[in-house]
Amino acid sequence: EMSDGSIFCYRGSWCAEGVPTSWDADWRINGEKGTAVWDGE
């Protein structure tokens, strides 16, 4: 739970063989007017 009332969810694994994400993770941020995404690359 974050100070602005939003939720941050982290899902991670260091032993996930195949279809790797970036080292900077794969991001999705939902807001009242839309969604921002970043694949880390």
PDB file of all heavy atoms in Angstrom:
ATOM      1  N   GLU A   1       0.869  -1.163   0.000  1.00  0.00           N
ATOM      2  CA  GLU A   1       0.000   0.000   0.000  1.00  0.00           C
ATOM      3  C   GLU A   1       0.907   1.214   0.000  1.00  0.00           C
ATOM      4  O   GLU A   1       1.872   1.283   0.767  1.00  0.00           O
ATOM      5  CB  GLU A   1      -0.889   0.012   1.247  1.00  0.00           C
ATOM      6  CG  GLU A   1      -1.812   1.217   1.315  1.00  0.00           C
ATOM      7  CD  GLU A   1      -2.590   1.293   2.623  1.00  0.00           C
ATOM      8  OE1 GLU A   1      -2.422   0.394   3.464  1.00  0.00           O
ATOM      9  OE2 GLU A   1      -3.325   2.278   2.802  1.00  0.00           O
ATOM     10  N   MET A   2       0.626   2.187  -0.869  1.00  0.00           N
ATOM     11  CA  MET A   2       1.485   3.349  -1.006  1.00  0.00           C
ATOM     12  C   MET A   2       0.822   4.590  -0.405  1.00  0.00           C
ATOM     13  O   MET A   2      -0.386   4.607  -0.149  1.00  0.00           O
ATOM     14  CB  MET A   2       1.821   3.577  -2.478  1.00  0.00           C
ATOM     15  CG  MET A   2       2.451   2.360  -3.167  1.00  0.00           C
ATOM     16  SD  MET A   2       4.024   1.824  -2.429  1.00  0.00           S
ATOM     17  CE  MET A   2       5.141   3.071  -3.093  1.00  0.00           C
ATOM     18  N   SER A   3       1.623   5.624  -0.194  1.00  0.00           N
ATOM     19  CA  SER A   3       1.164   6.822   0.508  1.00  0.00           C
ATOM     20  C   SER A   3       0.101   7.608  -0.254  1.00  0.00           C
ATOM     21  O   SER A   3      -0.613   8.423   0.339  1.00  0.00           O
ATOM     22  CB  SER A   3       2.353   7.736   0.817  1.00  0.00           C
ATOM     23  OG  SER A   3       3.030   8.103  -0.375  1.00  0.00           O
ATOM     24  N   ASP A   4      -0.031   7.385  -1.555  1.00  0.00           N
ATOM     25  CA  ASP A   4      -1.067   8.077  -2.336  1.00  0.00           C
ATOM     26  C   ASP A   4      -2.351   7.268  -2.418  1.00  0.00           C
ATOM     27  O   ASP A   4      -3.271   7.627  -3.153  1.00  0.00           O
ATOM     28  CB  ASP A   4      -0.554   8.403  -3.737  1.00  0.00           C
ATOM     29  CG  ASP A   4      -0.184   7.148  -4.533  1.00  0.00           C
ATOM     30  OD1 ASP A   4      -0.256   6.028  -3.978  1.00  0.00           O
ATOM     31  OD2 ASP A   4       0.196   7.294  -5.712  1.00  0.00           O
ATOM     32  N   GLY A   5      -2.412   6.158  -1.666  1.00  0.00           N
ATOM     33  CA  GLY A   5      -3.601   5.316  -1.670  1.00  0.00           C
ATOM     34  C   GLY A   5      -3.594   4.235  -2.730  1.00  0.00           C
ATOM     35  O   GLY A   5      -4.501   3.395  -2.785  1.00  0.00           O
ATOM     36  N   SER A   6      -2.579   4.213  -3.579  1.00  0.00           N
ATOM     37  CA  SER A   6      -2.501   3.207  -4.637  1.00  0.00           C
ATOM     38  C   SER A   6      -1.859   1.923  -4.116  1.00  0.00           C
ATOM     39  O   SER A   6      -1.351   1.866  -2.991  1.00  0.00           O
ATOM     40  CB  SER A   6      -1.692   3.742  -5.817  1.00  0.00           C
ATOM     41  OG  SER A   6      -0.326   3.904  -5.456  1.00  0.00           O
ATOM     42  N   ILE A   7      -1.894   0.904  -4.951  1.00  0.00           N
ATOM     43  CA  ILE A   7      -1.288  -0.388  -4.640  1.00  0.00           C
ATOM     44  C   ILE A   7      -0.144  -0.637  -5.621  1.00  0.00           C
ATOM     45  O   ILE A   7      -0.273  -0.413  -6.825  1.00  0.00           O
ATOM     46  CB  ILE A   7      -2.317  -1.529  -4.761  1.00  0.00           C
ATOM     47  CG1 ILE A   7      -3.413  -1.374  -3.707  1.00  0.00           C
ATOM     48  CG2 ILE A   7      -1.646  -2.896  -4.636  1.00  0.00           C
ATOM     49  CD1 ILE A   7      -2.930  -1.475  -2.274  1.00  0.00           C
ATOM     50  N   PHE A   8       0.971  -1.122  -5.087  1.00  0.00           N
ATOM     51  CA  PHE A   8       2.096  -1.572  -5.918  1.00  0.00           C
ATOM     52  C   PHE A   8       2.259  -3.065  -5.708  1.00  0.00           C
ATOM     53  O   PHE A   8       2.442  -3.529  -4.580  1.00  0.00           O
ATOM     54  CB  PHE A   8       3.381  -0.847  -5.536  1.00  0.00           C
ATOM     55  CG  PHE A   8       4.634  -1.486  -6.088  1.00  0.00           C
ATOM     56  CD1 PHE A   8       4.754  -1.771  -7.440  1.00  0.00           C
ATOM     57  CD2 PHE A   8       5.700  -1.815  -5.252  1.00  0.00           C
ATOM     58  CE1 PHE A   8       5.902  -2.370  -7.957  1.00  0.00           C
ATOM     59  CE2 PHE A   8       6.856  -2.404  -5.752  1.00  0.00           C
ATOM     60  CZ  PHE A   8       6.957  -2.688  -7.108  1.00  0.00           C
ATOM     61  N   CYS A   9       2.172  -3.819  -6.788  1.00  0.00           N
ATOM     62  CA  CYS A   9       2.298  -5.280  -6.725  1.00  0.00           C
ATOM     63  C   CYS A   9       3.572  -5.721  -7.447  1.00  0.00           C
ATOM     64  O   CYS A   9       3.758  -5.411  -8.628  1.00  0.00           O
ATOM     65  CB  CYS A   9       1.088  -5.947  -7.360  1.00  0.00           C
ATOM     66  SG  CYS A   9       1.139  -7.765  -7.267  1.00  0.00           S
ATOM     67  N   TYR A  10       4.429  -6.429  -6.721  1.00  0.00           N
ATOM     68  CA  TYR A  10       5.686  -6.944  -7.278  1.00  0.00           C
ATOM     69  C   TYR A  10       5.566  -8.451  -7.399  1.00  0.00           C
ATOM     70  O   TYR A  10       5.251  -9.148  -6.426  1.00  0.00           O
ATOM     71  CB  TYR A  10       6.842  -6.588  -6.344  1.00  0.00           C
ATOM     72  CG  TYR A  10       8.163  -7.252  -6.681  1.00  0.00           C
ATOM     73  CD1 TYR A  10       9.014  -6.719  -7.644  1.00  0.00           C
ATOM     74  CD2 TYR A  10       8.573  -8.416  -6.007  1.00  0.00           C
ATOM     75  CE1 TYR A  10      10.230  -7.322  -7.940  1.00  0.00           C
ATOM     76  CE2 TYR A  10       9.789  -9.022  -6.290  1.00  0.00           C
ATOM     77  CZ  TYR A  10      10.608  -8.470  -7.255  1.00  0.00           C
ATOM     78  OH  TYR A  10      11.815  -9.075  -7.542  1.00  0.00           O
ATOM     79  N   ARG A  11       5.816  -8.966  -8.595  1.00  0.00           N
ATOM     80  CA  ARG A  11       5.858 -10.413  -8.821  1.00  0.00           C
ATOM     81  C   ARG A  11       7.223 -10.733  -9.406  1.00  0.00           C
ATOM     82  O   ARG A  11       7.579 -10.196 -10.455  1.00  0.00           O
ATOM     83  CB  ARG A  11       4.753 -10.850  -9.782  1.00  0.00           C
ATOM     84  CG  ARG A  11       3.358 -10.448  -9.350  1.00  0.00           C
ATOM     85  CD  ARG A  11       2.280 -11.073 -10.222  1.00  0.00           C
ATOM     86  NE  ARG A  11       2.433 -10.720 -11.628  1.00  0.00           N
ATOM     87  CZ  ARG A  11       1.633 -11.169 -12.601  1.00  0.00           C
ATOM     88  NH1 ARG A  11       0.644 -12.002 -12.305  1.00  0.00           N
ATOM     89  NH2 ARG A  11       1.817 -10.798 -13.853  1.00  0.00           N
ATOM     90  N   GLY A  12       7.983 -11.579  -8.718  1.00  0.00           N
ATOM     91  CA  GLY A  12       9.340 -11.811  -9.187  1.00  0.00           C
ATOM     92  C   GLY A  12       9.848 -13.215  -8.962  1.00  0.00           C
ATOM     93  O   GLY A  12       9.389 -13.926  -8.065  1.00  0.00           O
ATOM     94  N   SER A  13      10.808 -13.609  -9.791  1.00  0.00           N
ATOM     95  CA  SER A  13      11.485 -14.892  -9.631  1.00  0.00           C
ATOM     96  C   SER A  13      12.866 -14.811 -10.245  1.00  0.00           C
ATOM     97  O   SER A  13      13.047 -14.208 -11.309  1.00  0.00           O
ATOM     98  CB  SER A  13      10.699 -16.015 -10.305  1.00  0.00           C
ATOM     99  OG  SER A  13      11.439 -17.231 -10.258  1.00  0.00           O
ATOM    100  N   TRP A  14      13.823 -15.419  -9.559  1.00  0.00           N
ATOM    101  CA  TRP A  14      15.180 -15.533 -10.074  1.00  0.00           C
ATOM    102  C   TRP A  14      15.468 -16.940 -10.601  1.00  0.00           C
ATOM    103  O   TRP A  14      16.601 -17.276 -10.871  1.00  0.00           O
ATOM    104  CB  TRP A  14      16.187 -15.140  -8.983  1.00  0.00           C
ATOM    105  CG  TRP A  14      16.880 -13.859  -9.312  1.00  0.00           C
ATOM    106  CD1 TRP A  14      16.718 -13.084 -10.404  1.00  0.00           C
ATOM    107  CD2 TRP A  14      17.881 -13.212  -8.518  1.00  0.00           C
ATOM    108  NE1 TRP A  14      17.543 -11.982 -10.359  1.00  0.00           N
ATOM    109  CE2 TRP A  14      18.267 -12.036  -9.205  1.00  0.00           C
ATOM    110  CE3 TRP A  14      18.489 -13.502  -7.299  1.00  0.00           C
ATOM    111  CZ2 TRP A  14      19.231 -11.165  -8.723  1.00  0.00           C
ATOM    112  CZ3 TRP A  14      19.444 -12.624  -6.820  1.00  0.00           C
ATOM    113  CH2 TRP A  14      19.817 -11.476  -7.519  1.00  0.00           C
ATOM    114  N   CYS A  15      14.436 -17.748 -10.728  1.00  0.00           N
ATOM    115  CA  CYS A  15      14.644 -19.083 -11.304  1.00  0.00           C
ATOM    116  C   CYS A  15      13.537 -19.380 -12.303  1.00  0.00           C
ATOM    117  O   CYS A  15      12.981 -20.467 -12.336  1.00  0.00           O
ATOM    118  CB  CYS A  15      14.715 -20.152 -10.208  1.00  0.00           C
ATOM    119  SG  CYS A  15      13.307 -20.174  -9.102  1.00  0.00           S
ATOM    120  N   ALA A  16      13.217 -18.379 -13.127  1.00  0.00           N
ATOM    121  CA  ALA A  16      12.147 -18.495 -14.113  1.00  0.00           C
ATOM    122  C   ALA A  16      12.763 -18.674 -15.499  1.00  0.00           C
ATOM    123  O   ALA A  16      13.065 -17.693 -16.191  1.00  0.00           O
ATOM    124  CB  ALA A  16      11.262 -17.255 -14.075  1.00  0.00           C
ATOM    125  N   GLU A  17      12.965 -19.908 -15.892  1.00  0.00           N
ATOM    126  CA  GLU A  17      13.567 -20.194 -17.202  1.00  0.00           C
ATOM    127  C   GLU A  17      12.569 -19.911 -18.323  1.00  0.00           C
ATOM    128  O   GLU A  17      11.420 -20.337 -18.279  1.00  0.00           O
ATOM    129  CB  GLU A  17      14.009 -21.660 -17.271  1.00  0.00           C
ATOM    130  CG  GLU A  17      15.088 -22.055 -16.270  1.00  0.00           C
ATOM    131  CD  GLU A  17      16.482 -21.563 -16.648  1.00  0.00           C
ATOM    132  OE1 GLU A  17      16.591 -20.647 -17.501  1.00  0.00           O
ATOM    133  OE2 GLU A  17      17.458 -22.098 -16.074  1.00  0.00           O
ATOM    134  N   GLY A  18      13.002 -19.181 -19.331  1.00  0.00           N
ATOM    135  CA  GLY A  18      12.187 -18.910 -20.502  1.00  0.00           C
ATOM    136  C   GLY A  18      11.383 -17.626 -20.419  1.00  0.00           C
ATOM    137  O   GLY A  18      10.924 -17.229 -19.355  1.00  0.00           O
ATOM    138  N   VAL A  19      11.245 -16.975 -21.568  1.00  0.00           N
ATOM    139  CA  VAL A  19      10.497 -15.724 -21.715  1.00  0.00           C
ATOM    140  C   VAL A  19      10.882 -14.714 -20.628  1.00  0.00           C
ATOM    141  O   VAL A  19      10.042 -14.237 -19.863  1.00  0.00           O
ATOM    142  CB  VAL A  19       8.968 -15.970 -21.682  1.00  0.00           C
ATOM    143  CG1 VAL A  19       8.237 -14.749 -22.253  1.00  0.00           C
ATOM    144  CG2 VAL A  19       8.584 -17.206 -22.467  1.00  0.00           C
ATOM    145  N   PRO A  20      12.162 -14.359 -20.544  1.00  0.00           N
ATOM    146  CA  PRO A  20      12.605 -13.463 -19.474  1.00  0.00           C
ATOM    147  C   PRO A  20      12.116 -12.032 -19.658  1.00  0.00           C
ATOM    148  O   PRO A  20      11.940 -11.558 -20.781  1.00  0.00           O
ATOM    149  CB  PRO A  20      14.133 -13.524 -19.581  1.00  0.00           C
ATOM    150  CG  PRO A  20      14.380 -13.820 -21.041  1.00  0.00           C
ATOM    151  CD  PRO A  20      13.277 -14.755 -21.442  1.00  0.00           C
ATOM    152  N   THR A  21      11.912 -11.375 -18.544  1.00  0.00           N
ATOM    153  CA  THR A  21      11.656  -9.932 -18.584  1.00  0.00           C
ATOM    154  C   THR A  21      12.998  -9.215 -18.641  1.00  0.00           C
ATOM    155  O   THR A  21      14.064  -9.826 -18.526  1.00  0.00           O
ATOM    156  CB  THR A  21      10.912  -9.458 -17.323  1.00  0.00           C
ATOM    157  OG1 THR A  21      11.758  -9.659 -16.183  1.00  0.00           O
ATOM    158  CG2 THR A  21       9.608 -10.197 -17.132  1.00  0.00           C
ATOM    159  N   SER A  22      12.929  -7.917 -18.761  1.00  0.00           N
ATOM    160  CA  SER A  22      14.128  -7.090 -18.628  1.00  0.00           C
ATOM    161  C   SER A  22      14.590  -7.119 -17.176  1.00  0.00           C
ATOM    162  O   SER A  22      13.811  -7.384 -16.251  1.00  0.00           O
ATOM    163  CB  SER A  22      13.804  -5.655 -19.035  1.00  0.00           C
ATOM    164  OG  SER A  22      14.734  -4.731 -18.510  1.00  0.00           O
ATOM    165  N   TRP A  23      15.868  -6.781 -16.942  1.00  0.00           N
ATOM    166  CA  TRP A  23      16.368  -6.606 -15.583  1.00  0.00           C
ATOM    167  C   TRP A  23      15.693  -5.414 -14.917  1.00  0.00           C
ATOM    168  O   TRP A  23      15.717  -5.279 -13.686  1.00  0.00           O
ATOM    169  CB  TRP A  23      17.886  -6.419 -15.584  1.00  0.00           C
ATOM    170  CG  TRP A  23      18.624  -7.716 -15.734  1.00  0.00           C
ATOM    171  CD1 TRP A  23      18.955  -8.334 -16.902  1.00  0.00           C
ATOM    172  CD2 TRP A  23      19.111  -8.567 -14.678  1.00  0.00           C
ATOM    173  NE1 TRP A  23      19.614  -9.515 -16.649  1.00  0.00           N
ATOM    174  CE2 TRP A  23      19.734  -9.677 -15.288  1.00  0.00           C
ATOM    175  CE3 TRP A  23      19.087  -8.491 -13.287  1.00  0.00           C
ATOM    176  CZ2 TRP A  23      20.320 -10.709 -14.555  1.00  0.00           C
ATOM    177  CZ3 TRP A  23      19.671  -9.516 -12.547  1.00  0.00           C
ATOM    178  CH2 TRP A  23      20.273 -10.611 -13.177  1.00  0.00           C
ATOM    179  N   ASP A  24      15.100  -4.536 -15.715  1.00  0.00           N
ATOM    180  CA  ASP A  24      14.363  -3.397 -15.173  1.00  0.00           C
ATOM    181  C   ASP A  24      12.880  -3.694 -15.005  1.00  0.00           C
ATOM    182  O   ASP A  24      12.093  -2.792 -14.723  1.00  0.00           O
ATOM    183  CB  ASP A  24      14.544  -2.172 -16.065  1.00  0.00           C
ATOM    184  CG  ASP A  24      15.888  -1.502 -15.842  1.00  0.00           C
ATOM    185  OD1 ASP A  24      16.172  -1.135 -14.685  1.00  0.00           O
ATOM    186  OD2 ASP A  24      16.655  -1.359 -16.811  1.00  0.00           O
ATOM    187  N   ALA A  25      12.494  -4.963 -15.174  1.00  0.00           N
ATOM    188  CA  ALA A  25      11.125  -5.439 -14.974  1.00  0.00           C
ATOM    189  C   ALA A  25      10.195  -4.981 -16.098  1.00  0.00           C
ATOM    190  O   ALA A  25      10.579  -4.219 -16.988  1.00  0.00           O
ATOM    191  CB  ALA A  25      10.578  -5.021 -13.605  1.00  0.00           C
ATOM    192  N   ASP A  26       8.968  -5.468 -16.040  1.00  0.00           N
ATOM    193  CA  ASP A  26       7.916  -5.150 -17.005  1.00  0.00           C
ATOM    194  C   ASP A  26       6.813  -4.437 -16.218  1.00  0.00           C
ATOM    195  O   ASP A  26       6.250  -5.010 -15.281  1.00  0.00           O
ATOM    196  CB  ASP A  26       7.387  -6.448 -17.626  1.00  0.00           C
ATOM    197  CG  ASP A  26       6.501  -6.199 -18.822  1.00  0.00           C
ATOM    198  OD1 ASP A  26       6.107  -5.041 -19.048  1.00  0.00           O
ATOM    199  OD2 ASP A  26       6.172  -7.168 -19.525  1.00  0.00           O
ATOM    200  N   TRP A  27       6.506  -3.189 -16.585  1.00  0.00           N
ATOM    201  CA  TRP A  27       5.670  -2.325 -15.759  1.00  0.00           C
ATOM    202  C   TRP A  27       4.314  -2.006 -16.381  1.00  0.00           C
ATOM    203  O   TRP A  27       4.196  -1.830 -17.594  1.00  0.00           O
ATOM    204  CB  TRP A  27       6.386  -0.990 -15.507  1.00  0.00           C
ATOM    205  CG  TRP A  27       7.628  -1.129 -14.698  1.00  0.00           C
ATOM    206  CD1 TRP A  27       8.870  -1.488 -15.139  1.00  0.00           C
ATOM    207  CD2 TRP A  27       7.753  -0.927 -13.281  1.00  0.00           C
ATOM    208  NE1 TRP A  27       9.761  -1.514 -14.088  1.00  0.00           N
ATOM    209  CE2 TRP A  27       9.112  -1.177 -12.942  1.00  0.00           C
ATOM    210  CE3 TRP A  27       6.866  -0.543 -12.282  1.00  0.00           C
ATOM    211  CZ2 TRP A  27       9.577  -1.065 -11.633  1.00  0.00           C
ATOM    212  CZ3 TRP A  27       7.322  -0.433 -10.982  1.00  0.00           C
ATOM    213  CH2 TRP A  27       8.677  -0.692 -10.666  1.00  0.00           C
ATOM    214  N   ARG A  28       3.304  -1.899 -15.520  1.00  0.00           N
ATOM    215  CA  ARG A  28       1.969  -1.428 -15.910  1.00  0.00           C
ATOM    216  C   ARG A  28       1.459  -0.523 -14.792  1.00  0.00           C
ATOM    217  O   ARG A  28       1.405  -0.934 -13.628  1.00  0.00           O
ATOM    218  CB  ARG A  28       1.004  -2.593 -16.112  1.00  0.00           C
ATOM    219  CG  ARG A  28      -0.452  -2.175 -16.322  1.00  0.00           C
ATOM    220  CD  ARG A  28      -1.344  -3.384 -16.572  1.00  0.00           C
ATOM    221  NE  ARG A  28      -1.092  -3.937 -17.889  1.00  0.00           N
ATOM    222  CZ  ARG A  28      -1.805  -3.638 -18.982  1.00  0.00           C
ATOM    223  NH1 ARG A  28      -2.801  -2.772 -18.890  1.00  0.00           N
ATOM    224  NH2 ARG A  28      -1.524  -4.179 -20.138  1.00  0.00           N
ATOM    225  N   ILE A  29       1.103   0.718 -15.140  1.00  0.00           N
ATOM    226  CA  ILE A  29       0.583   1.670 -14.163  1.00  0.00           C
ATOM    227  C   ILE A  29      -0.802   2.101 -14.617  1.00  0.00           C
ATOM    228  O   ILE A  29      -0.949   2.714 -15.687  1.00  0.00           O
ATOM    229  CB  ILE A  29       1.504   2.901 -14.010  1.00  0.00           C
ATOM    230  CG1 ILE A  29       2.933   2.469 -13.621  1.00  0.00           C
ATOM    231  CG2 ILE A  29       0.968   3.832 -12.940  1.00  0.00           C
ATOM    232  CD1 ILE A  29       3.882   2.430 -14.783  1.00  0.00           C
ATOM    233  N   ASN A  30      -1.829   1.767 -13.830  1.00  0.00           N
ATOM    234  CA  ASN A  30      -3.208   2.130 -14.155  1.00  0.00           C
ATOM    235  C   ASN A  30      -3.606   3.403 -13.424  1.00  0.00           C
ATOM    236  O   ASN A  30      -3.395   3.519 -12.212  1.00  0.00           O
ATOM    237  CB  ASN A  30      -4.181   1.014 -13.734  1.00  0.00           C
ATOM    238  CG  ASN A  30      -3.907  -0.289 -14.458  1.00  0.00           C
ATOM    239  OD1 ASN A  30      -3.718  -1.317 -13.829  1.00  0.00           O
ATOM    240  ND2 ASN A  30      -3.877  -0.250 -15.769  1.00  0.00           N
ATOM    241  N   GLY A  31      -4.187   4.346 -14.161  1.00  0.00           N
ATOM    242  CA  GLY A  31      -4.677   5.581 -13.570  1.00  0.00           C
ATOM    243  C   GLY A  31      -6.134   5.813 -13.907  1.00  0.00           C
ATOM    244  O   GLY A  31      -6.754   5.017 -14.603  1.00  0.00           O
ATOM    245  N   GLU A  32      -6.697   6.914 -13.417  1.00  0.00           N
ATOM    246  CA  GLU A  32      -8.124   7.186 -13.643  1.00  0.00           C
ATOM    247  C   GLU A  32      -8.441   7.455 -15.105  1.00  0.00           C
ATOM    248  O   GLU A  32      -9.565   7.215 -15.536  1.00  0.00           O
ATOM    249  CB  GLU A  32      -8.631   8.378 -12.793  1.00  0.00           C
ATOM    250  CG  GLU A  32      -7.599   9.123 -12.073  1.00  0.00           C
ATOM    251  CD  GLU A  32      -8.097  10.371 -11.343  1.00  0.00           C
ATOM    252  OE1 GLU A  32      -9.121  10.321 -10.652  1.00  0.00           O
ATOM    253  OE2 GLU A  32      -7.422  11.387 -11.452  1.00  0.00           O
ATOM    254  N   LYS A  33      -7.464   7.915 -15.871  1.00  0.00           N
ATOM    255  CA  LYS A  33      -7.727   8.270 -17.273  1.00  0.00           C
ATOM    256  C   LYS A  33      -7.099   7.316 -18.276  1.00  0.00           C
ATOM    257  O   LYS A  33      -7.342   7.446 -19.478  1.00  0.00           O
ATOM    258  CB  LYS A  33      -7.213   9.690 -17.544  1.00  0.00           C
ATOM    259  CG  LYS A  33      -7.913  10.760 -16.725  1.00  0.00           C
ATOM    260  CD  LYS A  33      -7.538  12.164 -17.175  1.00  0.00           C
ATOM    261  CE  LYS A  33      -6.111  12.525 -16.808  1.00  0.00           C
ATOM    262  NZ  LYS A  33      -5.789  13.946 -17.095  1.00  0.00           N
ATOM    263  N   GLY A  34      -6.290   6.363 -17.805  1.00  0.00           N
ATOM    264  CA  GLY A  34      -5.645   5.451 -18.743  1.00  0.00           C
ATOM    265  C   GLY A  34      -4.548   4.644 -18.083  1.00  0.00           C
ATOM    266  O   GLY A  34      -4.447   4.584 -16.858  1.00  0.00           O
ATOM    267  N   THR A  35      -3.699   4.045 -18.917  1.00  0.00           N
ATOM    268  CA  THR A  35      -2.656   3.137 -18.441  1.00  0.00           C
ATOM    269  C   THR A  35      -1.340   3.443 -19.143  1.00  0.00           C
ATOM    270  O   THR A  35      -1.310   3.687 -20.358  1.00  0.00           O
ATOM    271  CB  THR A  35      -3.041   1.678 -18.728  1.00  0.00           C
ATOM    272  OG1 THR A  35      -4.182   1.339 -17.937  1.00  0.00           O
ATOM    273  CG2 THR A  35      -1.908   0.718 -18.391  1.00  0.00           C
ATOM    274  N   ALA A  36      -0.256   3.421 -18.361  1.00  0.00           N
ATOM    275  CA  ALA A  36       1.093   3.571 -18.915  1.00  0.00           C
ATOM    276  C   ALA A  36       1.821   2.243 -18.774  1.00  0.00           C
ATOM    277  O   ALA A  36       1.653   1.532 -17.767  1.00  0.00           O
ATOM    278  CB  ALA A  36       1.857   4.664 -18.182  1.00  0.00           C
ATOM    279  N   VAL A  37       2.627   1.902 -19.773  1.00  0.00           N
ATOM    280  CA  VAL A  37       3.370   0.649 -19.733  1.00  0.00           C
ATOM    281  C   VAL A  37       4.818   0.882 -20.145  1.00  0.00           C
ATOM    282  O   VAL A  37       5.135   1.805 -20.897  1.00  0.00           O
ATOM    283  CB  VAL A  37       2.749  -0.422 -20.663  1.00  0.00           C
ATOM    284  CG1 VAL A  37       1.376  -0.838 -20.166  1.00  0.00           C
ATOM    285  CG2 VAL A  37       2.678   0.071 -22.105  1.00  0.00           C
ATOM    286  N   TRP A  38       5.683   0.016 -19.612  1.00  0.00           N
ATOM    287  CA  TRP A  38       7.106   0.022 -19.980  1.00  0.00           C
ATOM    288  C   TRP A  38       7.629  -1.393 -19.849  1.00  0.00           C
ATOM    289  O   TRP A  38       7.467  -2.026 -18.802  1.00  0.00           O
ATOM    290  CB  TRP A  38       7.899   0.969 -19.079  1.00  0.00           C
ATOM    291  CG  TRP A  38       9.368   1.019 -19.395  1.00  0.00           C
ATOM    292  CD1 TRP A  38       9.941   1.100 -20.630  1.00  0.00           C
ATOM    293  CD2 TRP A  38      10.455   0.988 -18.458  1.00  0.00           C
ATOM    294  NE1 TRP A  38      11.311   1.133 -20.533  1.00  0.00           N
ATOM    295  CE2 TRP A  38      11.646   1.068 -19.203  1.00  0.00           C
ATOM    296  CE3 TRP A  38      10.526   0.917 -17.065  1.00  0.00           C
ATOM    297  CZ2 TRP A  38      12.911   1.050 -18.598  1.00  0.00           C
ATOM    298  CZ3 TRP A  38      11.776   0.909 -16.462  1.00  0.00           C
ATOM    299  CH2 TRP A  38      12.959   0.988 -17.226  1.00  0.00           C
ATOM    300  N   ASP A  39       8.250  -1.895 -20.914  1.00  0.00           N
ATOM    301  CA  ASP A  39       8.767  -3.267 -20.890  1.00  0.00           C
ATOM    302  C   ASP A  39      10.175  -3.359 -20.331  1.00  0.00           C
ATOM    303  O   ASP A  39      10.785  -4.433 -20.335  1.00  0.00           O
ATOM    304  CB  ASP A  39       8.710  -3.898 -22.282  1.00  0.00           C
ATOM    305  CG  ASP A  39       9.628  -3.195 -23.292  1.00  0.00           C
ATOM    306  OD1 ASP A  39      10.358  -2.248 -22.905  1.00  0.00           O
ATOM    307  OD2 ASP A  39       9.617  -3.603 -24.473  1.00  0.00           O
ATOM    308  N   GLY A  40      10.715  -2.241 -19.851  1.00  0.00           N
ATOM    309  CA  GLY A  40      12.049  -2.246 -19.276  1.00  0.00           C
ATOM    310  C   GLY A  40      13.159  -2.066 -20.289  1.00  0.00           C
ATOM    311  O   GLY A  40      14.328  -1.943 -19.901  1.00  0.00           O
ATOM    312  N   GLU A  41      12.815  -2.038 -21.569  1.00  0.00           N
ATOM    313  CA  GLU A  41      13.835  -1.943 -22.614  1.00  0.00           C
ATOM    314  C   GLU A  41      13.565  -0.818 -23.608  1.00  0.00           C
ATOM    315  O   GLU A  41      14.470  -0.076 -23.977  1.00  0.00           O
ATOM    316  CB  GLU A  41      13.959  -3.266 -23.366  1.00  0.00           C
ATOM    317  CG  GLU A  41      14.467  -4.411 -22.491  1.00  0.00           C
ATOM    318  CD  GLU A  41      14.625  -5.700 -23.281  1.00  0.00           C
ATOM    319  OE1 GLU A  41      14.317  -5.704 -24.499  1.00  0.00           O
ATOM    320  OE2 GLU A  41      15.038  -6.706 -22.678  1.00  0.00           O
TER     321      GLU A  41
END
